[in-house]
C-alpha atoms as a PDB file:
ATOM      1  CA  MET A   1      25.465  18.053  32.471  1.00  0.00           C
ATOM      2  CA  MET A   2      25.423  21.140  30.209  1.00  0.00           C
ATOM      3  CA  PRO A   3      27.367  20.794  26.909  1.00  0.00           C
ATOM      4  CA  ASP A   4      30.547  22.818  26.674  1.00  0.00           C
ATOM      5  CA  ARG A   5      31.218  25.322  23.898  1.00  0.00           C
ATOM      6  CA  ARG A   6      33.101  22.833  21.689  1.00  0.00           C
ATOM      7  CA  GLN A   7      30.255  20.265  21.847  1.00  0.00           C
ATOM      8  CA  PHE A   8      27.736  22.989  20.983  1.00  0.00           C
ATOM      9  CA  LEU A   9      29.758  24.162  17.989  1.00  0.00           C
ATOM     10  CA  ALA A  10      30.293  20.589  16.759  1.00  0.00           C
ATOM     11  CA  GLY A  11      26.572  19.836  16.966  1.00  0.00           C
ATOM     12  CA  SER A  12      25.666  23.068  15.199  1.00  0.00           C
ATOM     13  CA  SER A  13      28.128  22.305  12.394  1.00  0.00           C
ATOM     14  CA  ALA A  14      26.589  18.868  11.882  1.00  0.00           C
ATOM     15  CA  VAL A  15      23.102  20.334  11.584  1.00  0.00           C
ATOM     16  CA  LEU A  16      24.286  22.947   9.097  1.00  0.00           C
ATOM     17  CA  ALA A  17      26.156  20.344   7.075  1.00  0.00           C
ATOM     18  CA  SER A  18      23.105  18.083   6.846  1.00  0.00           C
ATOM     19  CA  ALA A  19      20.993  21.020   5.731  1.00  0.00           C
ATOM     20  CA  CYS A  20      23.412  21.613   2.857  1.00  0.00           C
ATOM     21  CA  VAL A  21      23.164  18.062   1.446  1.00  0.00           C
ATOM     22  CA  PRO A  22      21.746  18.554  -2.070  1.00  0.00           C
ATOM     23  CA  LEU A  23      18.443  16.931  -2.942  1.00  0.00           C
ATOM     24  CA  ASP A  24      18.526  14.230  -5.618  1.00  0.00           C
ATOM     25  CA  THR A  25      16.634  15.938  -8.433  1.00  0.00           C
ATOM     26  CA  SER A  26      17.444  13.291 -11.044  1.00  0.00           C
ATOM     27  CA  ALA A  27      14.588  11.374 -12.648  1.00  0.00           C
ATOM     28  CA  THR A  28      15.428   8.356 -10.492  1.00  0.00           C
ATOM     29  CA  GLY A  29      15.609  10.515  -7.387  1.00  0.00           C
ATOM     30  CA  ARG A  30      12.213  12.037  -8.066  1.00  0.00           C
ATOM     31  CA  ILE A  31      10.627   8.613  -8.543  1.00  0.00           C
ATOM     32  CA  THR A  32      12.193   7.309  -5.344  1.00  0.00           C
ATOM     33  CA  SER A  33      10.946  10.375  -3.483  1.00  0.00           C
ATOM     34  CA  ARG A  34       7.399   9.773  -4.721  1.00  0.00           C
ATOM     35  CA  LEU A  35       7.531   6.160  -3.564  1.00  0.00           C
ATOM     36  CA  ARG A  36       8.848   7.282  -0.182  1.00  0.00           C
ATOM     37  CA  ILE A  37       5.953   9.734   0.166  1.00  0.00           C
ATOM     38  CA  ILE A  38       3.450   6.997  -0.708  1.00  0.00           C
ATOM     39  CA  GLU A  39       4.913   4.781   1.992  1.00  0.00           C
ATOM     40  CA  ALA A  40       4.929   7.555   4.583  1.00  0.00           C
ATOM     41  CA  SER A  41       1.293   8.429   3.883  1.00  0.00           C
ATOM     42  CA  ALA A  42       0.210   4.809   4.079  1.00  0.00           C
ATOM     43  CA  GLN A  43       2.135   4.188   7.333  1.00  0.00           C
ATOM     44  CA  GLY A  44       3.105   0.683   6.300  1.00  0.00           C
ATOM     45  CA  THR A  45       6.128  -0.725   4.456  1.00  0.00           C
ATOM     46  CA  LEU A  46       6.409  -0.380   0.688  1.00  0.00           C
ATOM     47  CA  GLY A  47       8.834  -2.134  -1.613  1.00  0.00           C
ATOM     48  CA  ALA A  48       8.864  -1.463  -5.342  1.00  0.00           C
ATOM     49  CA  ALA A  49      10.999  -1.939  -8.424  1.00  0.00           C
ATOM     50  CA  ILE A  50      10.404  -0.679 -11.964  1.00  0.00           C
ATOM     51  CA  LEU A  51      12.622  -1.922 -14.797  1.00  0.00           C
ATOM     52  CA  ASN A  52      13.088  -0.514 -18.303  1.00  0.00           C
ATOM     53  CA  THR A  53      13.455  -3.565 -20.535  1.00  0.00           C
ATOM     54  CA  ALA A  54      15.238  -1.615 -23.281  1.00  0.00           C
ATOM     55  CA  THR A  55      18.086  -0.395 -21.095  1.00  0.00           C
ATOM     56  CA  GLY A  56      17.966  -2.658 -18.052  1.00  0.00           C
ATOM     57  CA  ALA A  57      17.802   0.440 -15.842  1.00  0.00           C
ATOM     58  CA  ILE A  58      15.920  -0.269 -12.645  1.00  0.00           C
ATOM     59  CA  THR A  59      14.499   2.124 -10.077  1.00  0.00           C
ATOM     60  CA  THR A  60      13.776   0.697  -6.645  1.00  0.00           C
ATOM     61  CA  TYR A  61      12.496   1.666  -3.244  1.00  0.00           C
ATOM     62  CA  ASN A  62      13.358  -0.863  -0.526  1.00  0.00           C
ATOM     63  CA  GLY A  63      14.445  -2.922  -3.494  1.00  0.00           C
ATOM     64  CA  ALA A  64      16.570  -5.349  -1.471  1.00  0.00           C
ATOM     65  CA  MET A  65      13.998  -5.894   1.283  1.00  0.00           C
ATOM     66  CA  ARG A  66      12.472  -9.365   1.469  1.00  0.00           C
ATOM     67  CA  PHE A  67       8.717  -9.811   1.114  1.00  0.00           C
ATOM     68  CA  GLY A  68       6.567 -12.904   0.857  1.00  0.00           C
ATOM     69  CA  HIS A  69       5.419 -14.017  -2.579  1.00  0.00           C
ATOM     70  CA  CYS A  70       1.869 -14.785  -1.467  1.00  0.00           C
ATOM     71  CA  SER A  71       0.124 -15.998  -4.647  1.00  0.00           C
ATOM     72  CA  SER A  72       2.424 -14.052  -6.961  1.00  0.00           C
ATOM     73  CA  PHE A  73       4.725 -17.098  -7.229  1.00  0.00           C
ATOM     74  CA  LYS A  74       2.045 -18.651  -9.454  1.00  0.00           C
ATOM     75  CA  LEU A  75       3.143 -16.479 -12.371  1.00  0.00           C
ATOM     76  CA  SER A  76       6.591 -18.080 -12.262  1.00  0.00           C
ATOM     77  CA  LEU A  77       5.002 -21.506 -11.808  1.00  0.00           C
ATOM     78  CA  ALA A  78       2.939 -20.999 -14.974  1.00  0.00           C
ATOM     79  CA  ALA A  79       6.069 -19.790 -16.785  1.00  0.00           C
ATOM     80  CA  MET A  80       7.944 -22.904 -15.678  1.00  0.00           C
ATOM     81  CA  VAL A  81       5.206 -25.168 -17.069  1.00  0.00           C
ATOM     82  CA  LEU A  82       5.451 -23.417 -20.447  1.00  0.00           C
ATOM     83  CA  GLN A  83       9.260 -23.535 -20.395  1.00  0.00           C
ATOM     84  CA  LEU A  84       9.416 -27.243 -19.541  1.00  0.00           C
ATOM     85  CA  ASP A  85       6.861 -28.007 -22.235  1.00  0.00           C
ATOM     86  CA  ALA A  86       8.811 -26.026 -24.850  1.00  0.00           C
ATOM     87  CA  ALA A  87      11.994 -27.870 -23.861  1.00  0.00           C
ATOM     88  CA  GLY A  88      10.261 -31.254 -24.202  1.00  0.00           C
ATOM     89  CA  THR A  89      10.810 -32.066 -20.518  1.00  0.00           C
ATOM     90  CA  ILE A  90       7.063 -32.387 -19.910  1.00  0.00           C
ATOM     91  CA  ASP A  91       3.964 -32.524 -22.071  1.00  0.00           C
ATOM     92  CA  ALA A  92       1.718 -29.635 -21.036  1.00  0.00           C
ATOM     93  CA  ASP A  93      -1.244 -31.537 -22.480  1.00  0.00           C
ATOM     94  CA  GLU A  94      -0.782 -34.362 -19.960  1.00  0.00           C
ATOM     95  CA  GLN A  95      -4.043 -34.950 -18.110  1.00  0.00           C
ATOM     96  CA  ILE A  96      -3.984 -34.783 -14.317  1.00  0.00           C
ATOM     97  CA  ARG A  97      -6.589 -35.977 -11.818  1.00  0.00           C
ATOM     98  CA  TRP A  98      -6.999 -35.004  -8.179  1.00  0.00           C
ATOM     99  CA  SER A  99      -9.279 -35.741  -5.252  1.00  0.00           C
ATOM    100  CA  ALA A 100     -11.567 -33.656  -3.061  1.00  0.00           C
ATOM    101  CA  ASP A 101      -8.854 -33.759  -0.401  1.00  0.00           C
ATOM    102  CA  ASP A 102      -6.674 -31.576  -2.660  1.00  0.00           C
ATOM    103  CA  LEU A 103      -9.225 -28.764  -2.760  1.00  0.00           C
ATOM    104  CA  MET A 104      -8.912 -25.749  -0.483  1.00  0.00           C
ATOM    105  CA  PHE A 105      -9.872 -22.112  -0.120  1.00  0.00           C
ATOM    106  CA  VAL A 106      -9.733 -20.268  -3.496  1.00  0.00           C
ATOM    107  CA  SER A 107      -9.832 -23.277  -5.824  1.00  0.00           C
ATOM    108  CA  PRO A 108     -12.579 -22.358  -8.314  1.00  0.00           C
ATOM    109  CA  PHE A 109     -11.242 -24.201 -11.370  1.00  0.00           C
ATOM    110  CA  THR A 110     -10.129 -27.397  -9.639  1.00  0.00           C
ATOM    111  CA  THR A 111     -13.428 -27.594  -7.759  1.00  0.00           C
ATOM    112  CA  ARG A 112     -15.389 -27.294 -11.005  1.00  0.00           C
ATOM    113  CA  ARG A 113     -13.172 -29.851 -12.780  1.00  0.00           C
ATOM    114  CA  LEU A 114     -12.920 -32.351  -9.914  1.00  0.00           C
ATOM    115  CA  GLU A 115     -14.542 -35.192 -11.847  1.00  0.00           C
ATOM    116  CA  GLN A 116     -13.026 -34.360 -15.232  1.00  0.00           C
ATOM    117  CA  GLY A 117      -9.441 -33.428 -14.357  1.00  0.00           C
ATOM    118  CA  ALA A 118      -7.375 -31.051 -16.506  1.00  0.00           C
ATOM    119  CA  SER A 119      -4.148 -30.709 -18.426  1.00  0.00           C
ATOM    120  CA  LEU A 120      -0.991 -29.230 -16.948  1.00  0.00           C
ATOM    121  CA  ARG A 121      -1.477 -26.287 -19.302  1.00  0.00           C
ATOM    122  CA  GLU A 122      -4.992 -25.645 -18.003  1.00  0.00           C
ATOM    123  CA  LEU A 123      -3.817 -25.850 -14.398  1.00  0.00           C
ATOM    124  CA  ALA A 124      -1.060 -23.340 -15.171  1.00  0.00           C
ATOM    125  CA  GLU A 125      -3.514 -20.980 -16.856  1.00  0.00           C
ATOM    126  CA  TYR A 126      -6.032 -21.022 -14.065  1.00  0.00           C
ATOM    127  CA  THR A 127      -3.550 -20.765 -11.229  1.00  0.00           C
ATOM    128  CA  GLN A 128      -2.226 -17.637 -12.995  1.00  0.00           C
ATOM    129  CA  LYS A 129      -5.578 -16.103 -13.929  1.00  0.00           C
ATOM    130  CA  TYR A 130      -7.681 -16.996 -10.899  1.00  0.00           C
ATOM    131  CA  SER A 131      -5.028 -17.890  -8.321  1.00  0.00           C
ATOM    132  CA  ASP A 132      -6.375 -21.425  -7.913  1.00  0.00           C
ATOM    133  CA  ASN A 133      -4.531 -22.733  -4.850  1.00  0.00           C
ATOM    134  CA  ALA A 134      -5.222 -26.416  -5.442  1.00  0.00           C
ATOM    135  CA  ALA A 135      -4.019 -26.083  -9.047  1.00  0.00           C
ATOM    136  CA  ALA A 136      -0.746 -24.589  -7.795  1.00  0.00           C
ATOM    137  CA  ASN A 137      -0.179 -27.417  -5.327  1.00  0.00           C
ATOM    138  CA  ILE A 138      -1.056 -30.067  -7.925  1.00  0.00           C
ATOM    139  CA  LEU A 139       1.472 -28.565 -10.338  1.00  0.00           C
ATOM    140  CA  LEU A 140       4.163 -28.287  -7.672  1.00  0.00           C
ATOM    141  CA  LYS A 141       3.679 -31.929  -6.673  1.00  0.00           C
ATOM    142  CA  ARG A 142       3.832 -33.070 -10.305  1.00  0.00           C
ATOM    143  CA  LEU A 143       6.935 -31.019 -11.185  1.00  0.00           C
ATOM    144  CA  GLY A 144       9.152 -31.530  -8.134  1.00  0.00           C
ATOM    145  CA  GLY A 145       7.863 -29.344  -5.337  1.00  0.00           C
ATOM    146  CA  PRO A 146       8.851 -25.865  -4.184  1.00  0.00           C
ATOM    147  CA  ALA A 147      12.537 -26.669  -4.658  1.00  0.00           C
ATOM    148  CA  ARG A 148      11.915 -27.165  -8.389  1.00  0.00           C
ATOM    149  CA  LEU A 149      10.521 -23.663  -8.755  1.00  0.00           C
ATOM    150  CA  THR A 150      13.486 -22.293  -6.821  1.00  0.00           C
ATOM    151  CA  ARG A 151      15.808 -24.045  -9.289  1.00  0.00           C
ATOM    152  CA  PHE A 152      13.849 -22.462 -12.151  1.00  0.00           C
ATOM    153  CA  TRP A 153      14.565 -19.031 -10.697  1.00  0.00           C
ATOM    154  CA  ARG A 154      18.246 -19.880 -10.260  1.00  0.00           C
ATOM    155  CA  ALA A 155      18.462 -20.947 -13.905  1.00  0.00           C
ATOM    156  CA  LEU A 156      17.094 -17.528 -14.862  1.00  0.00           C
ATOM    157  CA  GLY A 157      19.879 -15.856 -12.879  1.00  0.00           C
ATOM    158  CA  ASP A 158      17.682 -15.017  -9.894  1.00  0.00           C
ATOM    159  CA  GLN A 159      19.750 -15.921  -6.835  1.00  0.00           C
ATOM    160  CA  THR A 160      17.282 -14.327  -4.405  1.00  0.00           C
ATOM    161  CA  SER A 161      13.761 -15.672  -4.912  1.00  0.00           C
ATOM    162  CA  ARG A 162      12.879 -18.908  -3.171  1.00  0.00           C
ATOM    163  CA  LEU A 163       9.880 -21.142  -2.514  1.00  0.00           C
ATOM    164  CA  ASP A 164       9.937 -23.487   0.452  1.00  0.00           C
ATOM    165  CA  ARG A 165       6.361 -24.523   1.246  1.00  0.00           C
ATOM    166  CA  MET A 166       3.038 -25.259  -0.406  1.00  0.00           C
ATOM    167  CA  GLU A 167      -0.279 -23.464  -0.204  1.00  0.00           C
ATOM    168  CA  PRO A 168      -1.531 -22.212   2.161  1.00  0.00           C
ATOM    169  CA  GLU A 169       1.459 -22.287   4.546  1.00  0.00           C
ATOM    170  CA  LEU A 170       3.693 -20.307   2.188  1.00  0.00           C
ATOM    171  CA  GLY A 171       1.554 -17.240   2.849  1.00  0.00           C
ATOM    172  CA  ASN A 172       2.682 -17.041   6.478  1.00  0.00           C
ATOM    173  CA  VAL A 173       5.727 -14.787   6.092  1.00  0.00           C
ATOM    174  CA  PRO A 174       6.213 -12.433   9.055  1.00  0.00           C
ATOM    175  CA  PRO A 175       8.947  -9.773   8.889  1.00  0.00           C
ATOM    176  CA  GLY A 176      12.365 -11.396   9.071  1.00  0.00           C
ATOM    177  CA  GLU A 177      11.218 -14.709   7.554  1.00  0.00           C
ATOM    178  CA  MET A 178      13.422 -15.966   4.718  1.00  0.00           C
ATOM    179  CA  ARG A 179      11.232 -18.798   3.474  1.00  0.00           C
ATOM    180  CA  ASP A 180       8.960 -18.152   0.498  1.00  0.00           C
ATOM    181  CA  THR A 181      10.351 -14.680  -0.166  1.00  0.00           C
ATOM    182  CA  THR A 182      11.823 -12.502  -2.862  1.00  0.00           C
ATOM    183  CA  THR A 183      12.831  -8.857  -3.237  1.00  0.00           C
ATOM    184  CA  PRO A 184      11.308  -6.210  -5.523  1.00  0.00           C
ATOM    185  CA  ARG A 185      14.569  -5.870  -7.462  1.00  0.00           C
ATOM    186  CA  ALA A 186      14.972  -9.613  -7.991  1.00  0.00           C
ATOM    187  CA  MET A 187      11.396 -10.149  -9.144  1.00  0.00           C
ATOM    188  CA  ALA A 188      11.296  -7.187 -11.539  1.00  0.00           C
ATOM    189  CA  GLN A 189      14.477  -8.527 -13.142  1.00  0.00           C
ATOM    190  CA  THR A 190      13.105 -12.076 -13.298  1.00  0.00           C
ATOM    191  CA  LEU A 191       9.941 -10.837 -15.006  1.00  0.00           C
ATOM    192  CA  ALA A 192      12.046  -9.009 -17.589  1.00  0.00           C
ATOM    193  CA  THR A 193      13.949 -12.234 -18.284  1.00  0.00           C
ATOM    194  CA  VAL A 194      10.788 -14.334 -18.568  1.00  0.00           C
ATOM    195  CA  LEU A 195       8.629 -11.904 -20.540  1.00  0.00           C
ATOM    196  CA  TYR A 196      11.202 -10.123 -22.721  1.00  0.00           C
ATOM    197  CA  GLY A 197      14.297 -12.316 -22.652  1.00  0.00           C
ATOM    198  CA  ASP A 198      15.059 -15.704 -24.134  1.00  0.00           C
ATOM    199  CA  ALA A 199      13.995 -17.873 -21.198  1.00  0.00           C
ATOM    200  CA  LEU A 200      10.836 -18.824 -23.123  1.00  0.00           C
ATOM    201  CA  PRO A 201      10.249 -19.118 -26.852  1.00  0.00           C
ATOM    202  CA  GLU A 202       8.241 -16.269 -28.346  1.00  0.00           C
ATOM    203  CA  ASN A 203       4.942 -18.143 -28.564  1.00  0.00           C
ATOM    204  CA  SER A 204       5.184 -19.190 -24.906  1.00  0.00           C
ATOM    205  CA  ARG A 205       5.938 -15.602 -23.883  1.00  0.00           C
ATOM    206  CA  SER A 206       2.876 -14.451 -25.806  1.00  0.00           C
ATOM    207  CA  ILE A 207       0.659 -17.019 -24.100  1.00  0.00           C
ATOM    208  CA  LEU A 208       1.932 -16.103 -20.637  1.00  0.00           C
ATOM    209  CA  LYS A 209       1.532 -12.376 -21.221  1.00  0.00           C
ATOM    210  CA  GLN A 210      -2.019 -12.867 -22.467  1.00  0.00           C
ATOM    211  CA  TRP A 211      -2.845 -14.898 -19.350  1.00  0.00           C
ATOM    212  CA  MET A 212      -1.515 -11.968 -17.309  1.00  0.00           C
ATOM    213  CA  VAL A 213      -3.602  -9.465 -19.277  1.00  0.00           C
ATOM    214  CA  ASP A 214      -6.667 -11.651 -18.707  1.00  0.00           C
ATOM    215  CA  THR A 215      -6.037 -11.879 -14.943  1.00  0.00           C
ATOM    216  CA  PRO A 216      -8.859  -9.936 -13.242  1.00  0.00           C
ATOM    217  CA  THR A 217      -7.448  -9.782  -9.708  1.00  0.00           C
ATOM    218  CA  GLY A 218      -5.009  -6.966 -10.501  1.00  0.00           C
ATOM    219  CA  LEU A 219      -7.472  -4.460 -11.874  1.00  0.00           C
ATOM    220  CA  ASP A 220      -7.695  -2.656  -8.516  1.00  0.00           C
ATOM    221  CA  ARG A 221      -3.937  -2.616  -7.839  1.00  0.00           C
ATOM    222  CA  VAL A 222      -1.054  -1.321  -9.973  1.00  0.00           C
ATOM    223  CA  ARG A 223      -3.048  -1.558 -13.196  1.00  0.00           C
ATOM    224  CA  LYS A 224      -5.665   0.804 -11.748  1.00  0.00           C
ATOM    225  CA  GLY A 225      -3.017   3.536 -11.827  1.00  0.00           C
ATOM    226  CA  LEU A 226      -2.059   2.908 -15.463  1.00  0.00           C
ATOM    227  CA  PRO A 227      -3.706   4.458 -18.544  1.00  0.00           C
ATOM    228  CA  ASP A 228      -6.328   2.339 -20.297  1.00  0.00           C
ATOM    229  CA  THR A 229      -4.357   2.742 -23.532  1.00  0.00           C
ATOM    230  CA  TRP A 230      -1.435   0.739 -22.133  1.00  0.00           C
ATOM    231  CA  ARG A 231      -1.305  -3.032 -22.489  1.00  0.00           C
ATOM    232  CA  ALA A 232      -0.565  -4.433 -19.050  1.00  0.00           C
ATOM    233  CA  GLY A 233      -0.788  -7.701 -17.161  1.00  0.00           C
ATOM    234  CA  ASP A 234       0.047  -8.909 -13.702  1.00  0.00           C
ATOM    235  CA  LYS A 235      -0.238 -11.451 -10.902  1.00  0.00           C
ATOM    236  CA  THR A 236      -1.352 -10.468  -7.448  1.00  0.00           C
ATOM    237  CA  GLY A 237      -0.980 -11.975  -4.012  1.00  0.00           C
ATOM    238  CA  THR A 238      -2.511 -11.271  -0.630  1.00  0.00           C
ATOM    239  CA  SER A 239      -1.746 -12.726   2.776  1.00  0.00           C
ATOM    240  CA  ILE A 240      -3.545 -11.946   6.005  1.00  0.00           C
ATOM    241  CA  TRP A 241      -2.094 -13.983   8.862  1.00  0.00           C
ATOM    242  CA  PRO A 242      -2.337 -13.150  12.563  1.00  0.00           C
ATOM    243  CA  GLY A 243       0.981 -11.799  13.784  1.00  0.00           C
ATOM    244  CA  MET A 244       2.365 -10.743  10.402  1.00  0.00           C
ATOM    245  CA  GLY A 245       0.060  -7.911   9.408  1.00  0.00           C
ATOM    246  CA  SER A 246      -1.406  -7.859   5.900  1.00  0.00           C
ATOM    247  CA  LEU A 247       0.682  -8.186   2.742  1.00  0.00           C
ATOM    248  CA  TYR A 248      -0.491  -7.021  -0.689  1.00  0.00           C
ATOM    249  CA  VAL A 249       1.551  -7.918  -3.795  1.00  0.00           C
ATOM    250  CA  ASP A 250       1.364  -7.040  -7.468  1.00  0.00           C
ATOM    251  CA  ILE A 251       3.961  -7.991 -10.095  1.00  0.00           C
ATOM    252  CA  GLY A 252       3.690  -7.633 -13.847  1.00  0.00           C
ATOM    253  CA  PHE A 253       4.430  -5.682 -16.998  1.00  0.00           C
ATOM    254  CA  ALA A 254       3.264  -2.514 -18.722  1.00  0.00           C
ATOM    255  CA  GLU A 255       3.673  -1.599 -22.385  1.00  0.00           C
ATOM    256  CA  PRO A 256       3.269   2.152 -22.983  1.00  0.00           C
ATOM    257  CA  PRO A 257       2.527   3.056 -26.624  1.00  0.00           C
ATOM    258  CA  SER A 258       5.680   5.152 -27.101  1.00  0.00           C
ATOM    259  CA  HIS A 259       8.062   3.714 -24.527  1.00  0.00           C
ATOM    260  CA  ALA A 260       9.932   0.469 -24.011  1.00  0.00           C
ATOM    261  CA  PRO A 261       8.052  -2.154 -21.963  1.00  0.00           C
ATOM    262  CA  LEU A 262       8.409  -1.944 -18.189  1.00  0.00           C
ATOM    263  CA  THR A 263       8.282  -4.682 -15.596  1.00  0.00           C
ATOM    264  CA  PHE A 264       7.320  -3.979 -12.012  1.00  0.00           C
ATOM    265  CA  ALA A 265       7.197  -5.648  -8.621  1.00  0.00           C
ATOM    266  CA  ALA A 266       5.323  -3.931  -5.782  1.00  0.00           C
ATOM    267  CA  TYR A 267       4.817  -5.124  -2.208  1.00  0.00           C
ATOM    268  CA  TYR A 268       2.947  -3.364   0.575  1.00  0.00           C
ATOM    269  CA  ARG A 269       2.877  -4.617   4.161  1.00  0.00           C
ATOM    270  CA  ALA A 270       0.161  -2.930   6.215  1.00  0.00           C
ATOM    271  CA  ARG A 271       0.471  -2.787   9.968  1.00  0.00           C
ATOM    272  CA  GLY A 272      -2.907  -4.262  10.800  1.00  0.00           C
ATOM    273  CA  THR A 273      -4.360  -7.698  10.128  1.00  0.00           C
ATOM    274  CA  HIS A 274      -7.312  -7.071   7.857  1.00  0.00           C
ATOM    275  CA  ALA A 275     -10.493  -9.106   7.935  1.00  0.00           C
ATOM    276  CA  ALA A 276     -10.977  -8.503   4.191  1.00  0.00           C
ATOM    277  CA  MET A 277      -9.304  -6.692   1.319  1.00  0.00           C
ATOM    278  CA  ASP A 278      -8.399  -3.217   2.515  1.00  0.00           C
ATOM    279  CA  PRO A 279      -9.205  -0.497  -0.066  1.00  0.00           C
ATOM    280  CA  ALA A 280      -6.527   1.826   1.332  1.00  0.00           C
ATOM    281  CA  SER A 281      -3.841  -0.852   0.924  1.00  0.00           C
ATOM    282  CA  LEU A 282      -4.967  -1.615  -2.608  1.00  0.00           C
ATOM    283  CA  ASP A 283      -4.754   2.097  -3.355  1.00  0.00           C
ATOM    284  CA  VAL A 284      -1.103   2.123  -2.279  1.00  0.00           C
ATOM    285  CA  LEU A 285      -0.380  -0.223  -5.180  1.00  0.00           C
ATOM    286  CA  ALA A 286      -2.547   1.854  -7.517  1.00  0.00           C
ATOM    287  CA  GLN A 287      -0.392   4.847  -6.584  1.00  0.00           C
ATOM    288  CA  VAL A 288       2.670   2.840  -7.592  1.00  0.00           C
ATOM    289  CA  GLY A 289       0.930   2.428 -10.951  1.00  0.00           C
ATOM    290  CA  ARG A 290       0.667   6.219 -11.269  1.00  0.00           C
ATOM    291  CA  VAL A 291       4.401   6.472 -10.571  1.00  0.00           C
ATOM    292  CA  ILE A 292       5.050   3.932 -13.338  1.00  0.00           C
ATOM    293  CA  GLN A 293       2.874   6.046 -15.638  1.00  0.00           C
ATOM    294  CA  SER A 294       5.051   9.092 -14.968  1.00  0.00           C
ATOM    295  CA  ILE A 295       8.163   7.238 -16.155  1.00  0.00           C
ATOM    296  CA  ALA A 296       6.822   6.857 -19.685  1.00  0.00           C
ATOM    297  CA  ARG A 297       5.659  10.434 -20.169  1.00  0.00           C
END
């Protein structure tokens, strides 16, 4: 059926009205537009949040969308070990032993120290720096399981982030899954609380930040897009499960020389299931780093 004159005029008015909607040319609008362009070019799903620790201002793209933590939860796990030690709840120098049955894929430190064991502090350091999966599970078992880390987040004011399973199952987070997820906004805010707030004493914050700086796995992600003159640290995560695509994560901080410190949380879900690390997906996160750089100019 052909549209009548009134329907034609109504449709034309709607098109004209949409064409007159002003573009958001604010600084936040420009950053969001750049993130949207990165996502469109990559043809996957990008979520990102960048927080100014001096003002609390946060810029997000898909900031409320849930993504899996992958190994990035290990940063918060390490922070919890330092916090509990500072509070006297645990002794981070307590020695822990484990068996060969506890070892799994990506467990370099715990494999090397199988006969000797290690302290809780060492396990926290190496699960942060080298993403040691067995170290993460050993710590979770000792401290109260995934629910204990979730309570740590709640005590920080993070009502969104959650951990429900252990390694490696927690990496299986298809779209729509709630378990073992967070949002970019929630995690950027949690990092600001942990690294620049009063959740940890100053010496513990310094230790954690140095572990993040010393973490080599993020050098080809967000940090690749940051200037070498900036101090920056992070924790990455990657999950490649059949049926969920491939998820690449990078969360951390950046300290420009003449700007307040920034925290960031970036998540990129590629459409395909990759057999190995995908350079194009890693570059998406590096591009987020270049957007962060533009904020501090």
